[in-house]
Amino acid sequence: MPQSELEPLRRHACHAVREVGAFLRQEATKVQPHHIEEKHRSGLVTYVDRTAEQMLVERLSLLLPEASFFTEEETVGREPQASLCWIIDPLDGTTNYLYGIPHYSISVGLRSGDELMLGIVYHVVHDEMFYAVRHGGAWCNEQPVRVSERSALAQALVVTGFPYHDTSRMEPWIDVLRTVTTQGRAVRRFGSAALDLAYVACGRFDVFYEYGLNAWDVAGGALLVHEAGGRISDFQGGNGFLNGGEVLACNAHVFEPMLQIVSAAFYP
């Protein structure tokens, strides 16, 4: 897709995401216990997730009719292998949303072939629109963003996510957690992987690692990190972060030390 087409597409896509964000804010106090369904123990969903996804699909279909969709709530047929595909999480941080914790986001990525071409992560409550197009830098509310310049793990603020859905690799995850807790500056866990990636991109976090993720958790934020000067990979340093379920995203200085830590733990 030519660069000249990406920027107008990005502007219209961001407008669509902002409209859906307004819907999320509007419904935040209206969800009742009987609206909540459990996909699994820690996976909640409501009409808000599904309606938000339908709104995004409708709006993005108008912008790029030839593109398919790969979405979390399956309100449209999934076509993850299509050559041009929108990858959508309409509400990343549903549990935060339902518990009144103001930390949740909308994540939208556009993949062409094997490459992410467009990434959007919208922090709904703070009205922060993070976005990137390939070779166009990373931005938040029209201002350029860059990863941090902190150069040592001892200075690094590390963020992760708890492996609720897949505990089969809990031991290596704990090994990494133990290492970064003792060697890093501090560790956080906020509950929205898309925002974790956006915060790495803008320099608020220095390291993000997690396993058990899906493409829709990662697609919006991965290009942000790359275009902001950071590095992102799977736990072996490869490019399997989008579909492989493991993500390491860091500023360029601490990436190699962190890769050694996660690789040694998960692939001894």
C-alpha atoms as a PDB file:
ATOM      1  CA  MET A   1       0.000   0.000   0.000  1.00  0.00           C
ATOM      2  CA  PRO A   2       1.568   3.351  -1.031  1.00  0.00           C
ATOM      3  CA  GLN A   3       2.541   5.833   1.684  1.00  0.00           C
ATOM      4  CA  SER A   4       0.357   8.455   0.023  1.00  0.00           C
ATOM      5  CA  GLU A   5      -2.703   6.306   0.732  1.00  0.00           C
ATOM      6  CA  LEU A   6      -1.773   5.359   4.268  1.00  0.00           C
ATOM      7  CA  GLU A   7      -1.919   8.793   5.874  1.00  0.00           C
ATOM      8  CA  PRO A   8      -5.466   9.679   4.724  1.00  0.00           C
ATOM      9  CA  LEU A   9      -6.563   6.191   5.721  1.00  0.00           C
ATOM     10  CA  ARG A  10      -4.984   6.689   9.138  1.00  0.00           C
ATOM     11  CA  ARG A  11      -6.820   9.976   9.683  1.00  0.00           C
ATOM     12  CA  HIS A  12     -10.196   8.473   8.837  1.00  0.00           C
ATOM     13  CA  ALA A  13      -9.493   5.347  10.894  1.00  0.00           C
ATOM     14  CA  CYS A  14      -8.548   7.452  13.923  1.00  0.00           C
ATOM     15  CA  HIS A  15     -11.813   9.369  13.536  1.00  0.00           C
ATOM     16  CA  ALA A  16     -13.734   6.079  13.521  1.00  0.00           C
ATOM     17  CA  VAL A  17     -11.869   4.861  16.605  1.00  0.00           C
ATOM     18  CA  ARG A  18     -12.611   8.120  18.426  1.00  0.00           C
ATOM     19  CA  GLU A  19     -16.316   7.711  17.670  1.00  0.00           C
ATOM     20  CA  VAL A  20     -16.286   4.219  19.139  1.00  0.00           C
ATOM     21  CA  GLY A  21     -14.380   5.541  22.155  1.00  0.00           C
ATOM     22  CA  ALA A  22     -17.216   7.990  22.772  1.00  0.00           C
ATOM     23  CA  PHE A  23     -19.612   5.044  22.793  1.00  0.00           C
ATOM     24  CA  LEU A  24     -17.452   3.223  25.366  1.00  0.00           C
ATOM     25  CA  ARG A  25     -17.443   6.265  27.636  1.00  0.00           C
ATOM     26  CA  GLN A  26     -21.198   6.674  27.235  1.00  0.00           C
ATOM     27  CA  GLU A  27     -21.916   3.075  28.241  1.00  0.00           C
ATOM     28  CA  ALA A  28     -19.356   2.791  31.054  1.00  0.00           C
ATOM     29  CA  THR A  29     -21.852   3.377  33.855  1.00  0.00           C
ATOM     30  CA  LYS A  30     -24.758   1.541  32.209  1.00  0.00           C
ATOM     31  CA  VAL A  31     -23.477  -2.034  32.208  1.00  0.00           C
ATOM     32  CA  GLN A  32     -25.342  -4.187  34.728  1.00  0.00           C
ATOM     33  CA  PRO A  33     -24.275  -7.558  36.183  1.00  0.00           C
ATOM     34  CA  HIS A  34     -26.757  -9.423  33.995  1.00  0.00           C
ATOM     35  CA  HIS A  35     -25.046  -7.979  30.904  1.00  0.00           C
ATOM     36  CA  ILE A  36     -21.730  -9.662  31.729  1.00  0.00           C
ATOM     37  CA  GLU A  37     -20.801 -13.032  30.239  1.00  0.00           C
ATOM     38  CA  GLU A  38     -17.777 -15.160  31.083  1.00  0.00           C
ATOM     39  CA  LYS A  39     -15.860 -16.446  28.076  1.00  0.00           C
ATOM     40  CA  HIS A  40     -13.580 -18.066  30.670  1.00  0.00           C
ATOM     41  CA  ARG A  41     -12.707 -17.318  34.287  1.00  0.00           C
ATOM     42  CA  SER A  42     -10.870 -14.059  33.650  1.00  0.00           C
ATOM     43  CA  GLY A  43     -12.341 -13.295  30.218  1.00  0.00           C
ATOM     44  CA  LEU A  44     -15.438 -11.105  30.436  1.00  0.00           C
ATOM     45  CA  VAL A  45     -17.539  -9.747  27.590  1.00  0.00           C
ATOM     46  CA  THR A  46     -20.671  -7.585  27.317  1.00  0.00           C
ATOM     47  CA  TYR A  47     -22.833  -5.973  24.671  1.00  0.00           C
ATOM     48  CA  VAL A  48     -20.401  -3.048  24.836  1.00  0.00           C
ATOM     49  CA  ASP A  49     -17.515  -5.097  23.395  1.00  0.00           C
ATOM     50  CA  ARG A  50     -19.669  -6.538  20.644  1.00  0.00           C
ATOM     51  CA  THR A  51     -21.365  -3.275  19.694  1.00  0.00           C
ATOM     52  CA  ALA A  52     -18.050  -1.422  19.671  1.00  0.00           C
ATOM     53  CA  GLU A  53     -16.602  -4.085  17.388  1.00  0.00           C
ATOM     54  CA  GLN A  54     -19.567  -3.887  15.020  1.00  0.00           C
ATOM     55  CA  MET A  55     -19.186  -0.095  14.892  1.00  0.00           C
ATOM     56  CA  LEU A  56     -15.513  -0.405  14.014  1.00  0.00           C
ATOM     57  CA  VAL A  57     -16.142  -3.032  11.351  1.00  0.00           C
ATOM     58  CA  GLU A  58     -18.853  -0.905   9.728  1.00  0.00           C
ATOM     59  CA  ARG A  59     -16.696   2.214   9.640  1.00  0.00           C
ATOM     60  CA  LEU A  60     -13.466   0.540   8.545  1.00  0.00           C
ATOM     61  CA  SER A  61     -15.280  -1.430   5.833  1.00  0.00           C
ATOM     62  CA  LEU A  62     -16.270   1.866   4.241  1.00  0.00           C
ATOM     63  CA  LEU A  63     -12.668   3.056   4.272  1.00  0.00           C
ATOM     64  CA  LEU A  64     -11.132  -0.081   2.773  1.00  0.00           C
ATOM     65  CA  PRO A  65     -13.819  -2.353   1.268  1.00  0.00           C
ATOM     66  CA  GLU A  66     -11.274  -4.900   0.008  1.00  0.00           C
ATOM     67  CA  ALA A  67      -9.882  -5.638   3.487  1.00  0.00           C
ATOM     68  CA  SER A  68     -10.971  -8.556   5.674  1.00  0.00           C
ATOM     69  CA  PHE A  69     -11.183  -8.662   9.469  1.00  0.00           C
ATOM     70  CA  PHE A  70      -9.696 -10.590  12.353  1.00  0.00           C
ATOM     71  CA  THR A  71     -11.544  -9.516  15.496  1.00  0.00           C
ATOM     72  CA  GLU A  72     -11.715 -10.639  19.101  1.00  0.00           C
ATOM     73  CA  GLU A  73     -15.478 -10.930  19.488  1.00  0.00           C
ATOM     74  CA  GLU A  74     -16.134 -12.584  16.102  1.00  0.00           C
ATOM     75  CA  THR A  75     -18.981 -10.251  15.151  1.00  0.00           C
ATOM     76  CA  VAL A  76     -17.733 -10.682  11.582  1.00  0.00           C
ATOM     77  CA  GLY A  77     -16.221 -13.724   9.890  1.00  0.00           C
ATOM     78  CA  ARG A  78     -12.543 -14.116  10.743  1.00  0.00           C
ATOM     79  CA  GLU A  79     -10.072 -14.169   7.873  1.00  0.00           C
ATOM     80  CA  PRO A  80      -6.667 -13.939   9.589  1.00  0.00           C
ATOM     81  CA  GLN A  81      -4.762 -15.178   6.519  1.00  0.00           C
ATOM     82  CA  ALA A  82      -6.180 -12.642   4.083  1.00  0.00           C
ATOM     83  CA  SER A  83      -3.573 -10.492   2.341  1.00  0.00           C
ATOM     84  CA  LEU A  84      -5.126  -7.254   3.640  1.00  0.00           C
ATOM     85  CA  CYS A  85      -6.641  -7.496   7.100  1.00  0.00           C
ATOM     86  CA  TRP A  86      -7.850  -5.239   9.898  1.00  0.00           C
ATOM     87  CA  ILE A  87      -7.000  -6.741  13.318  1.00  0.00           C
ATOM     88  CA  ILE A  88      -9.263  -5.348  16.028  1.00  0.00           C
ATOM     89  CA  ASP A  89      -9.712  -5.416  19.774  1.00  0.00           C
ATOM     90  CA  PRO A  90     -12.717  -3.165  20.451  1.00  0.00           C
ATOM     91  CA  LEU A  91     -12.085  -3.009  24.202  1.00  0.00           C
ATOM     92  CA  ASP A  92      -8.694  -4.079  25.490  1.00  0.00           C
ATOM     93  CA  GLY A  93      -9.034  -4.119  29.252  1.00  0.00           C
ATOM     94  CA  THR A  94     -12.663  -5.217  29.592  1.00  0.00           C
ATOM     95  CA  THR A  95     -12.200  -6.208  33.240  1.00  0.00           C
ATOM     96  CA  ASN A  96     -10.811  -2.743  34.034  1.00  0.00           C
ATOM     97  CA  TYR A  97     -13.766  -1.215  32.197  1.00  0.00           C
ATOM     98  CA  LEU A  98     -16.337  -3.244  34.113  1.00  0.00           C
ATOM     99  CA  TYR A  99     -14.690  -2.621  37.477  1.00  0.00           C
ATOM    100  CA  GLY A 100     -14.512   1.130  36.933  1.00  0.00           C
ATOM    101  CA  ILE A 101     -10.738   1.248  36.511  1.00  0.00           C
ATOM    102  CA  PRO A 102      -9.949   3.997  33.962  1.00  0.00           C
ATOM    103  CA  HIS A 103      -7.349   2.071  31.978  1.00  0.00           C
ATOM    104  CA  TYR A 104      -8.668   0.475  28.788  1.00  0.00           C
ATOM    105  CA  SER A 105      -8.215   1.017  25.100  1.00  0.00           C
ATOM    106  CA  ILE A 106      -9.237   0.332  21.529  1.00  0.00           C
ATOM    107  CA  SER A 107      -6.627  -1.394  19.381  1.00  0.00           C
ATOM    108  CA  VAL A 108      -6.671  -1.435  15.579  1.00  0.00           C
ATOM    109  CA  GLY A 109      -3.961  -2.708  13.252  1.00  0.00           C
ATOM    110  CA  LEU A 110      -3.869  -3.072   9.489  1.00  0.00           C
ATOM    111  CA  ARG A 111      -1.738  -5.879   8.069  1.00  0.00           C
ATOM    112  CA  SER A 112      -0.761  -6.144   4.411  1.00  0.00           C
ATOM    113  CA  GLY A 113       0.901  -9.450   3.638  1.00  0.00           C
ATOM    114  CA  ASP A 114       3.382 -10.039   6.448  1.00  0.00           C
ATOM    115  CA  GLU A 115       3.754  -6.383   7.383  1.00  0.00           C
ATOM    116  CA  LEU A 116       1.814  -4.137   9.736  1.00  0.00           C
ATOM    117  CA  MET A 117       1.065  -0.936   7.839  1.00  0.00           C
ATOM    118  CA  LEU A 118      -1.029   0.998  10.339  1.00  0.00           C
ATOM    119  CA  GLY A 119      -1.415   0.846  14.109  1.00  0.00           C
ATOM    120  CA  ILE A 120      -3.801   2.705  16.415  1.00  0.00           C
ATOM    121  CA  VAL A 121      -4.197   2.468  20.183  1.00  0.00           C
ATOM    122  CA  TYR A 122      -6.706   4.818  21.810  1.00  0.00           C
ATOM    123  CA  HIS A 123      -6.635   5.400  25.560  1.00  0.00           C
ATOM    124  CA  VAL A 124     -10.329   6.138  25.880  1.00  0.00           C
ATOM    125  CA  VAL A 125     -10.444   7.799  29.298  1.00  0.00           C
ATOM    126  CA  HIS A 126      -7.419  10.052  28.767  1.00  0.00           C
ATOM    127  CA  ASP A 127      -8.344  10.790  25.130  1.00  0.00           C
ATOM    128  CA  GLU A 128      -4.848   9.837  23.969  1.00  0.00           C
ATOM    129  CA  MET A 129      -4.769   8.688  20.360  1.00  0.00           C
ATOM    130  CA  PHE A 130      -1.533   6.814  19.619  1.00  0.00           C
ATOM    131  CA  TYR A 131      -0.942   5.989  15.968  1.00  0.00           C
ATOM    132  CA  ALA A 132       1.712   5.022  13.457  1.00  0.00           C
ATOM    133  CA  VAL A 133       1.959   4.267   9.769  1.00  0.00           C
ATOM    134  CA  ARG A 134       4.883   2.321   8.365  1.00  0.00           C
ATOM    135  CA  HIS A 135       7.865   4.625   7.746  1.00  0.00           C
ATOM    136  CA  GLY A 136       5.869   7.545   9.161  1.00  0.00           C
ATOM    137  CA  GLY A 137       6.945   7.656  12.801  1.00  0.00           C
ATOM    138  CA  ALA A 138       4.822   7.242  15.919  1.00  0.00           C
ATOM    139  CA  TRP A 139       2.501   9.903  17.255  1.00  0.00           C
ATOM    140  CA  CYS A 140       0.127  10.743  20.094  1.00  0.00           C
ATOM    141  CA  ASN A 141      -2.476  13.445  19.532  1.00  0.00           C
ATOM    142  CA  GLU A 142      -0.483  14.941  16.653  1.00  0.00           C
ATOM    143  CA  GLN A 143       2.781  15.025  18.630  1.00  0.00           C
ATOM    144  CA  PRO A 144       5.702  12.701  17.772  1.00  0.00           C
ATOM    145  CA  VAL A 145       6.668  10.123  20.385  1.00  0.00           C
ATOM    146  CA  ARG A 146       9.859   8.140  20.938  1.00  0.00           C
ATOM    147  CA  VAL A 147      10.894   5.279  23.164  1.00  0.00           C
ATOM    148  CA  SER A 148      12.897   6.128  26.269  1.00  0.00           C
ATOM    149  CA  GLU A 149      16.665   6.573  26.346  1.00  0.00           C
ATOM    150  CA  ARG A 150      17.174   4.759  29.653  1.00  0.00           C
ATOM    151  CA  SER A 151      20.206   2.647  28.925  1.00  0.00           C
ATOM    152  CA  ALA A 152      20.385   0.023  31.666  1.00  0.00           C
ATOM    153  CA  LEU A 153      18.003  -2.561  33.086  1.00  0.00           C
ATOM    154  CA  ALA A 154      18.636  -1.070  36.527  1.00  0.00           C
ATOM    155  CA  GLN A 155      16.876   2.094  35.291  1.00  0.00           C
ATOM    156  CA  ALA A 156      14.057   0.284  33.512  1.00  0.00           C
ATOM    157  CA  LEU A 157      10.376   0.405  34.389  1.00  0.00           C
ATOM    158  CA  VAL A 158       9.076  -3.014  33.340  1.00  0.00           C
ATOM    159  CA  VAL A 159       5.448  -3.915  32.618  1.00  0.00           C
ATOM    160  CA  THR A 160       3.978  -7.360  32.137  1.00  0.00           C
ATOM    161  CA  GLY A 161       0.688  -9.214  32.149  1.00  0.00           C
ATOM    162  CA  PHE A 162      -0.368 -12.150  34.291  1.00  0.00           C
ATOM    163  CA  PRO A 163      -0.822 -15.455  32.418  1.00  0.00           C
ATOM    164  CA  TYR A 164      -4.441 -16.092  33.400  1.00  0.00           C
ATOM    165  CA  HIS A 165      -5.446 -18.016  30.293  1.00  0.00           C
ATOM    166  CA  ASP A 166      -2.424 -20.268  29.877  1.00  0.00           C
ATOM    167  CA  THR A 167      -0.554 -21.292  33.010  1.00  0.00           C
ATOM    168  CA  SER A 168       1.529 -23.946  31.251  1.00  0.00           C
ATOM    169  CA  ARG A 169       4.508 -21.578  31.115  1.00  0.00           C
ATOM    170  CA  MET A 170       4.049 -19.995  34.513  1.00  0.00           C
ATOM    171  CA  GLU A 171       7.424 -21.115  35.850  1.00  0.00           C
ATOM    172  CA  PRO A 172       9.583 -19.394  33.227  1.00  0.00           C
ATOM    173  CA  TRP A 173       7.346 -16.318  33.477  1.00  0.00           C
ATOM    174  CA  ILE A 174       7.991 -16.241  37.234  1.00  0.00           C
ATOM    175  CA  ASP A 175      11.723 -16.654  36.586  1.00  0.00           C
ATOM    176  CA  VAL A 176      11.706 -13.575  34.377  1.00  0.00           C
ATOM    177  CA  LEU A 177       9.574 -11.680  36.890  1.00  0.00           C
ATOM    178  CA  ARG A 178      12.016 -12.543  39.661  1.00  0.00           C
ATOM    179  CA  THR A 179      14.936 -11.297  37.579  1.00  0.00           C
ATOM    180  CA  VAL A 180      13.377  -7.979  36.531  1.00  0.00           C
ATOM    181  CA  THR A 181      12.069  -7.390  40.054  1.00  0.00           C
ATOM    182  CA  THR A 182      15.562  -7.703  41.497  1.00  0.00           C
ATOM    183  CA  GLN A 183      17.493  -6.121  38.621  1.00  0.00           C
ATOM    184  CA  GLY A 184      15.097  -3.517  37.228  1.00  0.00           C
ATOM    185  CA  ARG A 185      13.811  -0.299  38.758  1.00  0.00           C
ATOM    186  CA  ALA A 186      10.205  -1.436  39.227  1.00  0.00           C
ATOM    187  CA  VAL A 187       7.523  -3.707  37.752  1.00  0.00           C
ATOM    188  CA  ARG A 188       3.929  -2.810  36.886  1.00  0.00           C
ATOM    189  CA  ARG A 189       0.839  -4.611  35.617  1.00  0.00           C
ATOM    190  CA  PHE A 190      -2.059  -2.519  34.250  1.00  0.00           C
ATOM    191  CA  GLY A 191      -4.334  -4.862  32.305  1.00  0.00           C
ATOM    192  CA  SER A 192      -4.253  -3.605  28.710  1.00  0.00           C
ATOM    193  CA  ALA A 193      -1.491  -5.020  26.526  1.00  0.00           C
ATOM    194  CA  ALA A 194      -2.270  -2.529  23.758  1.00  0.00           C
ATOM    195  CA  LEU A 195      -1.681   0.378  26.123  1.00  0.00           C
ATOM    196  CA  ASP A 196       1.443  -1.304  27.507  1.00  0.00           C
ATOM    197  CA  LEU A 197       2.883  -1.264  23.987  1.00  0.00           C
ATOM    198  CA  ALA A 198       1.792   2.336  23.412  1.00  0.00           C
ATOM    199  CA  TYR A 199       3.452   3.346  26.673  1.00  0.00           C
ATOM    200  CA  VAL A 200       6.697   1.674  25.600  1.00  0.00           C
ATOM    201  CA  ALA A 201       6.462   3.631  22.349  1.00  0.00           C
ATOM    202  CA  CYS A 202       6.109   6.973  24.116  1.00  0.00           C
ATOM    203  CA  GLY A 203       8.776   6.258  26.729  1.00  0.00           C
ATOM    204  CA  ARG A 204       6.616   5.792  29.826  1.00  0.00           C
ATOM    205  CA  PHE A 205       7.653   2.126  30.069  1.00  0.00           C
ATOM    206  CA  ASP A 206      11.011   0.732  29.055  1.00  0.00           C
ATOM    207  CA  VAL A 207      10.130  -2.976  28.801  1.00  0.00           C
ATOM    208  CA  PHE A 208       6.983  -4.968  28.131  1.00  0.00           C
ATOM    209  CA  TYR A 209       6.878  -8.749  28.060  1.00  0.00           C
ATOM    210  CA  GLU A 210       3.953 -11.150  28.102  1.00  0.00           C
ATOM    211  CA  TYR A 211       2.891 -14.516  26.733  1.00  0.00           C
ATOM    212  CA  GLY A 212      -0.553 -15.902  25.976  1.00  0.00           C
ATOM    213  CA  LEU A 213      -1.564 -12.916  23.853  1.00  0.00           C
ATOM    214  CA  ASN A 214      -3.589 -12.856  20.640  1.00  0.00           C
ATOM    215  CA  ALA A 215      -2.980 -10.896  17.457  1.00  0.00           C
ATOM    216  CA  TRP A 216      -5.660  -8.346  18.352  1.00  0.00           C
ATOM    217  CA  ASP A 217      -3.841  -7.554  21.619  1.00  0.00           C
ATOM    218  CA  VAL A 218      -0.647  -6.719  19.742  1.00  0.00           C
ATOM    219  CA  ALA A 219      -1.476  -5.449  16.242  1.00  0.00           C
ATOM    220  CA  GLY A 220      -2.268  -1.865  17.199  1.00  0.00           C
ATOM    221  CA  GLY A 221       0.766  -1.306  19.400  1.00  0.00           C
ATOM    222  CA  ALA A 222       3.518  -3.280  17.687  1.00  0.00           C
ATOM    223  CA  LEU A 223       4.004  -0.795  14.855  1.00  0.00           C
ATOM    224  CA  LEU A 224       3.957   2.046  17.385  1.00  0.00           C
ATOM    225  CA  VAL A 225       6.990   0.565  19.142  1.00  0.00           C
ATOM    226  CA  HIS A 226       8.834  -0.018  15.875  1.00  0.00           C
ATOM    227  CA  GLU A 227       8.156   3.452  14.482  1.00  0.00           C
ATOM    228  CA  ALA A 228       9.064   5.070  17.822  1.00  0.00           C
ATOM    229  CA  GLY A 229      12.559   3.599  17.615  1.00  0.00           C
ATOM    230  CA  GLY A 230      12.012   0.581  19.829  1.00  0.00           C
ATOM    231  CA  ARG A 231      12.424  -3.113  19.181  1.00  0.00           C
ATOM    232  CA  ILE A 232       9.781  -5.804  19.342  1.00  0.00           C
ATOM    233  CA  SER A 233      10.087  -9.575  18.938  1.00  0.00           C
ATOM    234  CA  ASP A 234       8.998 -12.922  20.262  1.00  0.00           C
ATOM    235  CA  PHE A 235      10.959 -14.494  23.127  1.00  0.00           C
ATOM    236  CA  GLN A 236      13.593 -15.858  20.750  1.00  0.00           C
ATOM    237  CA  GLY A 237      14.228 -12.582  18.969  1.00  0.00           C
ATOM    238  CA  GLY A 238      12.146 -13.524  15.925  1.00  0.00           C
ATOM    239  CA  ASN A 239       9.138 -11.979  14.231  1.00  0.00           C
ATOM    240  CA  GLY A 240       6.525 -14.304  15.713  1.00  0.00           C
ATOM    241  CA  PHE A 241       5.131 -11.710  18.092  1.00  0.00           C
ATOM    242  CA  LEU A 242       1.905 -11.104  16.165  1.00  0.00           C
ATOM    243  CA  ASN A 243       0.613 -14.667  15.988  1.00  0.00           C
ATOM    244  CA  GLY A 244       2.969 -16.570  18.278  1.00  0.00           C
ATOM    245  CA  GLY A 245       1.524 -15.416  21.588  1.00  0.00           C
ATOM    246  CA  GLU A 246       4.749 -13.974  23.066  1.00  0.00           C
ATOM    247  CA  VAL A 247       5.883 -10.377  22.940  1.00  0.00           C
ATOM    248  CA  LEU A 248       8.963  -8.524  24.106  1.00  0.00           C
ATOM    249  CA  ALA A 249       9.006  -4.779  23.421  1.00  0.00           C
ATOM    250  CA  CYS A 250      11.748  -2.476  24.704  1.00  0.00           C
ATOM    251  CA  ASN A 251      13.733   0.605  23.961  1.00  0.00           C
ATOM    252  CA  ALA A 252      16.794  -0.172  21.867  1.00  0.00           C
ATOM    253  CA  HIS A 253      19.230  -0.015  24.799  1.00  0.00           C
ATOM    254  CA  VAL A 254      17.679  -2.665  27.032  1.00  0.00           C
ATOM    255  CA  PHE A 255      16.298  -4.965  24.334  1.00  0.00           C
ATOM    256  CA  GLU A 256      19.302  -7.298  24.092  1.00  0.00           C
ATOM    257  CA  PRO A 257      19.706  -7.771  27.882  1.00  0.00           C
ATOM    258  CA  MET A 258      15.973  -8.445  28.219  1.00  0.00           C
ATOM    259  CA  LEU A 259      15.978 -10.840  25.278  1.00  0.00           C
ATOM    260  CA  GLN A 260      18.732 -12.844  26.949  1.00  0.00           C
ATOM    261  CA  ILE A 261      16.672 -13.033  30.149  1.00  0.00           C
ATOM    262  CA  VAL A 262      13.386 -14.148  28.534  1.00  0.00           C
ATOM    263  CA  SER A 263      15.085 -16.472  26.053  1.00  0.00           C
ATOM    264  CA  ALA A 264      17.063 -18.206  28.781  1.00  0.00           C
ATOM    265  CA  ALA A 265      13.906 -18.680  30.865  1.00  0.00           C
ATOM    266  CA  PHE A 266      11.501 -19.789  28.144  1.00  0.00           C
ATOM    267  CA  TYR A 267      13.928 -21.597  25.819  1.00  0.00           C
ATOM    268  CA  PRO A 268      16.737 -22.964  28.013  1.00  0.00           C
END
